[in-house]
Every structure is written in C-alpha cells, then in structure tokens.
N, C-alpha and C. Protein backbone atom coordinates (compact mmCIF):
# COMPACT_ATOMS: atom_id res chain seq x y z
N MET A 1 4.28 114.16 -3.73
CA MET A 1 4.15 112.53 -4.23
C MET A 1 4.08 111.73 -3.02
N LYS A 2 2.83 112.45 -2.36
CA LYS A 2 2.50 111.68 -0.90
C LYS A 2 0.95 110.56 -1.71
N SER A 3 0.81 111.06 -2.67
CA SER A 3 -0.39 109.89 -3.20
C SER A 3 0.27 108.56 -3.93
N HIS A 4 1.76 108.15 -3.66
CA HIS A 4 2.19 107.07 -4.62
C HIS A 4 3.44 106.90 -3.44
N ASP A 5 3.57 107.52 -1.85
CA ASP A 5 4.16 107.14 -1.04
C ASP A 5 5.62 107.04 -1.62
N LEU A 6 6.36 107.90 -2.26
CA LEU A 6 7.62 108.05 -2.94
C LEU A 6 8.18 109.28 -2.16
N LEU A 7 9.90 109.21 -1.80
CA LEU A 7 10.30 110.12 -1.79
C LEU A 7 10.39 111.38 -2.68
N VAL A 8 10.90 112.39 -2.25
CA VAL A 8 10.97 113.33 -2.99
C VAL A 8 12.51 113.74 -3.72
N ASP A 9 13.26 113.02 -2.89
CA ASP A 9 14.51 112.75 -3.45
C ASP A 9 15.18 112.16 -4.61
N PRO A 10 15.41 112.51 -5.87
CA PRO A 10 15.40 111.64 -7.14
C PRO A 10 16.40 110.50 -7.04
N ASN A 11 15.92 109.66 -6.70
CA ASN A 11 16.82 108.08 -6.44
C ASN A 11 16.72 107.26 -7.35
N GLU A 12 17.57 105.90 -7.63
CA GLU A 12 17.50 104.97 -8.89
C GLU A 12 15.92 104.45 -8.72
N ASP A 13 15.09 104.15 -7.49
CA ASP A 13 13.78 104.16 -7.73
C ASP A 13 12.89 104.97 -8.14
N THR A 14 12.77 106.30 -8.07
CA THR A 14 12.12 107.52 -8.19
C THR A 14 12.42 107.62 -10.08
N LEU A 15 13.46 107.22 -10.37
CA LEU A 15 13.78 107.50 -12.01
C LEU A 15 13.42 106.41 -12.81
N SER A 16 13.81 105.35 -11.96
CA SER A 16 12.85 103.93 -12.83
C SER A 16 11.43 103.92 -12.78
N PHE A 17 10.53 103.95 -11.44
CA PHE A 17 9.18 104.38 -11.74
C PHE A 17 8.80 105.46 -12.97
N PHE A 18 9.39 106.45 -12.99
CA PHE A 18 9.37 107.96 -13.85
C PHE A 18 9.68 107.11 -15.15
N ALA A 19 10.58 106.28 -15.37
CA ALA A 19 11.07 105.98 -16.51
C ALA A 19 10.10 104.84 -17.56
N ASP A 20 8.99 103.77 -16.16
CA ASP A 20 8.35 102.90 -16.76
C ASP A 20 6.72 103.65 -16.85
N TYR A 21 6.45 104.39 -16.13
CA TYR A 21 5.32 105.34 -16.07
C TYR A 21 5.38 106.24 -17.65
N MET A 22 6.60 107.02 -17.84
CA MET A 22 6.49 107.46 -19.19
C MET A 22 6.69 106.60 -20.49
N SER A 23 6.70 105.47 -20.27
CA SER A 23 6.84 104.38 -21.34
C SER A 23 5.83 104.10 -21.84
N TYR A 24 4.53 104.50 -21.06
CA TYR A 24 3.20 104.04 -21.15
C TYR A 24 2.40 105.26 -22.07
N HIS A 25 3.11 106.59 -22.19
CA HIS A 25 2.40 107.56 -23.05
C HIS A 25 3.37 108.25 -23.79
N ILE A 26 4.82 107.67 -23.76
CA ILE A 26 5.69 108.55 -25.10
C ILE A 26 6.56 107.03 -25.45
N ASN A 27 6.82 107.26 -26.74
CA ASN A 27 7.82 106.23 -27.25
C ASN A 27 8.80 105.94 -26.35
N PRO A 28 9.35 105.02 -25.97
CA PRO A 28 10.54 104.36 -24.89
C PRO A 28 11.66 105.12 -25.30
N ARG A 29 12.32 105.21 -26.93
CA ARG A 29 13.39 105.51 -27.12
C ARG A 29 13.75 106.75 -26.98
N GLN A 30 12.74 108.01 -26.16
CA GLN A 30 12.51 109.29 -25.92
C GLN A 30 12.73 109.64 -24.69
N ILE A 31 12.70 108.18 -23.95
CA ILE A 31 12.43 108.58 -22.50
C ILE A 31 14.28 109.26 -21.75
N ASN A 32 15.36 108.33 -22.21
CA ASN A 32 16.71 108.79 -22.17
C ASN A 32 16.76 110.35 -22.33
N THR A 33 16.12 111.03 -23.48
CA THR A 33 16.16 112.28 -23.59
C THR A 33 15.37 113.45 -22.69
N TYR A 34 14.52 112.63 -21.92
CA TYR A 34 13.47 113.43 -21.03
C TYR A 34 14.43 113.30 -19.62
N LEU A 35 14.99 111.75 -19.15
CA LEU A 35 15.62 111.92 -18.22
C LEU A 35 17.18 113.02 -18.28
N SER A 36 17.67 112.70 -19.19
CA SER A 36 19.09 113.77 -19.37
C SER A 36 18.34 115.34 -18.71
N GLY A 37 17.32 115.47 -19.35
CA GLY A 37 17.00 116.85 -18.98
C GLY A 37 16.46 117.05 -17.77
N ILE A 38 15.56 116.10 -16.96
CA ILE A 38 15.71 116.05 -15.35
C ILE A 38 16.88 116.13 -14.51
N VAL A 39 17.88 115.47 -15.18
CA VAL A 39 19.07 115.56 -14.20
C VAL A 39 20.09 116.85 -14.62
N GLN A 40 19.80 117.37 -15.51
CA GLN A 40 20.45 118.48 -15.81
C GLN A 40 19.94 119.77 -15.14
N GLN A 41 18.24 119.66 -14.92
CA GLN A 41 17.97 120.76 -14.22
C GLN A 41 17.89 120.38 -12.48
N LEU A 42 17.97 119.57 -12.07
CA LEU A 42 17.66 119.08 -10.82
C LEU A 42 19.09 118.54 -9.66
N GLU A 43 20.83 118.68 -11.04
CA GLU A 43 21.62 118.86 -10.40
C GLU A 43 22.27 119.33 -9.37
N PRO A 44 21.96 120.78 -9.73
CA PRO A 44 22.10 121.64 -8.43
C PRO A 44 21.75 121.17 -7.15
N TYR A 45 20.42 121.05 -7.07
CA TYR A 45 19.52 120.89 -5.89
C TYR A 45 19.97 119.34 -5.48
N PHE A 46 20.00 118.51 -6.53
CA PHE A 46 20.22 117.05 -5.61
C PHE A 46 21.67 116.47 -6.55
N PRO A 47 22.79 116.81 -5.79
CA PRO A 47 24.11 116.57 -6.39
C PRO A 47 24.62 115.01 -6.87
N ASN A 48 23.63 114.16 -6.21
CA ASN A 48 23.95 112.68 -6.51
C ASN A 48 22.69 111.94 -8.00
N ILE A 49 21.97 112.60 -8.41
CA ILE A 49 21.08 112.48 -9.24
C ILE A 49 21.48 111.98 -10.79
N ARG A 50 22.95 112.30 -10.98
CA ARG A 50 23.82 111.81 -11.79
C ARG A 50 24.07 110.18 -11.66
N GLU A 51 24.71 109.80 -10.15
CA GLU A 51 24.54 108.49 -10.24
C GLU A 51 23.29 107.84 -10.44
N ALA A 52 22.52 108.26 -9.57
CA ALA A 52 21.13 107.45 -9.52
C ALA A 52 20.56 107.46 -11.22
N ARG A 53 20.63 108.34 -12.15
CA ARG A 53 20.41 108.13 -13.58
C ARG A 53 21.02 106.84 -14.10
N ASN A 54 22.80 106.81 -13.61
CA ASN A 54 23.62 106.10 -14.53
C ASN A 54 23.24 104.66 -13.70
N SER A 55 22.45 104.97 -12.93
CA SER A 55 22.75 103.29 -12.00
C SER A 55 22.18 101.89 -13.01
N ARG A 56 22.55 100.76 -12.62
CA ARG A 56 22.32 99.99 -13.08
C ARG A 56 20.47 99.51 -13.45
N LEU A 57 19.74 99.73 -12.22
CA LEU A 57 18.29 99.64 -12.07
C LEU A 57 17.92 100.63 -13.21
N VAL A 58 18.04 101.67 -13.58
CA VAL A 58 17.47 102.84 -14.21
C VAL A 58 17.66 102.01 -15.71
N LYS A 59 19.15 101.71 -16.08
CA LYS A 59 19.55 101.08 -17.41
C LYS A 59 18.58 100.12 -17.71
N ARG A 60 18.68 99.04 -16.85
CA ARG A 60 18.01 97.82 -17.14
C ARG A 60 15.95 97.98 -16.95
N THR A 61 15.72 99.06 -16.58
CA THR A 61 14.31 99.51 -16.69
C THR A 61 14.23 100.21 -18.12
N LEU A 62 15.20 100.90 -18.43
CA LEU A 62 14.77 101.16 -19.67
C LEU A 62 15.31 100.19 -20.52
N GLN A 63 16.22 99.33 -20.77
CA GLN A 63 15.99 97.97 -21.76
C GLN A 63 14.63 97.56 -22.08
N GLY A 64 14.16 97.02 -20.78
CA GLY A 64 12.81 96.62 -20.83
C GLY A 64 11.99 97.28 -21.38
N CYS A 65 11.73 98.42 -20.70
CA CYS A 65 10.81 99.56 -21.60
C CYS A 65 10.37 99.40 -23.27
N LYS A 66 12.03 99.52 -23.58
CA LYS A 66 11.98 99.67 -25.24
C LYS A 66 11.54 98.25 -25.46
N ARG A 67 12.13 96.89 -25.09
CA ARG A 67 11.60 95.52 -25.11
C ARG A 67 10.11 95.43 -25.47
N MET A 68 9.43 95.79 -24.09
CA MET A 68 8.15 95.47 -24.05
C MET A 68 7.05 96.68 -24.82
N LYS A 69 7.73 98.21 -24.83
CA LYS A 69 6.68 98.99 -25.59
C LYS A 69 7.25 99.77 -26.17
N GLY A 70 8.38 99.42 -26.92
CA GLY A 70 8.73 100.07 -28.29
C GLY A 70 8.45 99.49 -29.32
N THR A 71 8.54 100.49 -30.36
CA THR A 71 8.01 100.14 -31.96
C THR A 71 9.49 99.87 -32.37
N ALA A 72 8.99 99.49 -33.70
CA ALA A 72 9.95 99.23 -34.65
C ALA A 72 10.14 100.51 -35.24
N VAL A 73 11.64 101.46 -36.00
CA VAL A 73 11.94 102.14 -36.35
C VAL A 73 11.32 101.86 -37.70
N VAL A 74 10.74 102.88 -38.49
CA VAL A 74 10.37 102.94 -39.58
C VAL A 74 11.08 103.94 -40.61
N ARG A 75 12.17 103.71 -41.30
CA ARG A 75 12.69 104.41 -42.06
C ARG A 75 12.29 104.65 -43.51
N LYS A 76 12.73 105.82 -43.78
CA LYS A 76 11.86 105.97 -45.60
C LYS A 76 13.10 105.40 -46.56
N GLN A 77 12.53 104.95 -47.69
CA GLN A 77 13.35 104.38 -48.63
C GLN A 77 14.56 105.13 -49.33
N ALA A 78 15.68 105.09 -49.64
CA ALA A 78 16.96 105.85 -49.95
C ALA A 78 16.51 106.38 -51.26
N LEU A 79 16.86 107.08 -51.85
CA LEU A 79 16.67 107.91 -53.27
C LEU A 79 17.73 106.88 -54.31
N THR A 80 17.02 106.57 -55.26
CA THR A 80 17.77 105.94 -56.44
C THR A 80 18.16 106.74 -57.21
N LEU A 81 18.96 105.80 -58.21
CA LEU A 81 19.63 107.08 -59.30
C LEU A 81 18.33 107.66 -60.20
N ASN A 82 17.82 107.07 -60.13
CA ASN A 82 16.38 107.36 -61.10
C ASN A 82 15.61 108.47 -60.56
N ASP A 83 15.32 108.43 -59.09
CA ASP A 83 14.96 109.71 -58.50
C ASP A 83 15.93 111.11 -58.32
N LEU A 84 17.04 110.73 -58.52
CA LEU A 84 18.34 112.03 -58.40
C LEU A 84 17.91 112.43 -59.60
N THR A 85 17.94 111.68 -60.91
CA THR A 85 17.97 111.92 -62.02
C THR A 85 16.64 112.69 -62.25
N THR A 86 15.44 112.67 -62.12
CA THR A 86 14.57 113.03 -62.14
C THR A 86 14.50 114.81 -61.54
N VAL A 87 15.14 114.76 -60.38
CA VAL A 87 15.07 116.05 -59.75
C VAL A 87 16.15 117.32 -60.53
N GLU A 88 17.01 116.50 -60.97
CA GLU A 88 17.95 116.80 -62.00
C GLU A 88 17.42 117.47 -62.78
N ASN A 89 16.59 116.84 -63.81
CA ASN A 89 15.97 117.51 -64.97
C ASN A 89 14.68 118.31 -64.80
N HIS A 90 14.25 117.81 -63.64
CA HIS A 90 13.02 119.03 -62.97
C HIS A 90 13.81 120.72 -62.97
C-alpha cells in the first residue's frame, strides 16, 4: 500500500476507504459481504479487525455509499391466481 501511504494494519480508515473504493465497482449492498469475508480471513492475523469493521466510521461510510451509489431493488411481480391456474393446467 505504499502508493496510497496507507498502513498495512486494517483499521477503521482502511476499511472505510476500501468500502468507498469498492462502491465504484460493485453494488454497494454487496460490500457488507466482502467486508465480512475479509474480516474472517484476517482475524487470525489482526485480532482487532472485527472492532474496526463494526466501527461507526465504517458503518456510516457504507450508509453513504448506499445512498450515493446504490440502485433501487428491482423485484419481479408476484404470481397471480391466473398464473398458477395456467401452470396447473399445463
């Protein structure tokens, strides 16, 4: 991380920067999953990473990313009785 002058130790700042960076590349709703995986993998080496992940800064950064770069959830229409009848008759 020499190019960004960041510490190798994962702290609140680095996790917050990671969340912001990733929100430009993937849907911000998925960043929680990424961070959970990172915490699980790094916890044996950095025992305080879970505290950094649950910090107010990281949570607020994730909220901001969802507001600024998030997209609306698109859901399919529910099946109607007519749809179910068509399937049953087929």
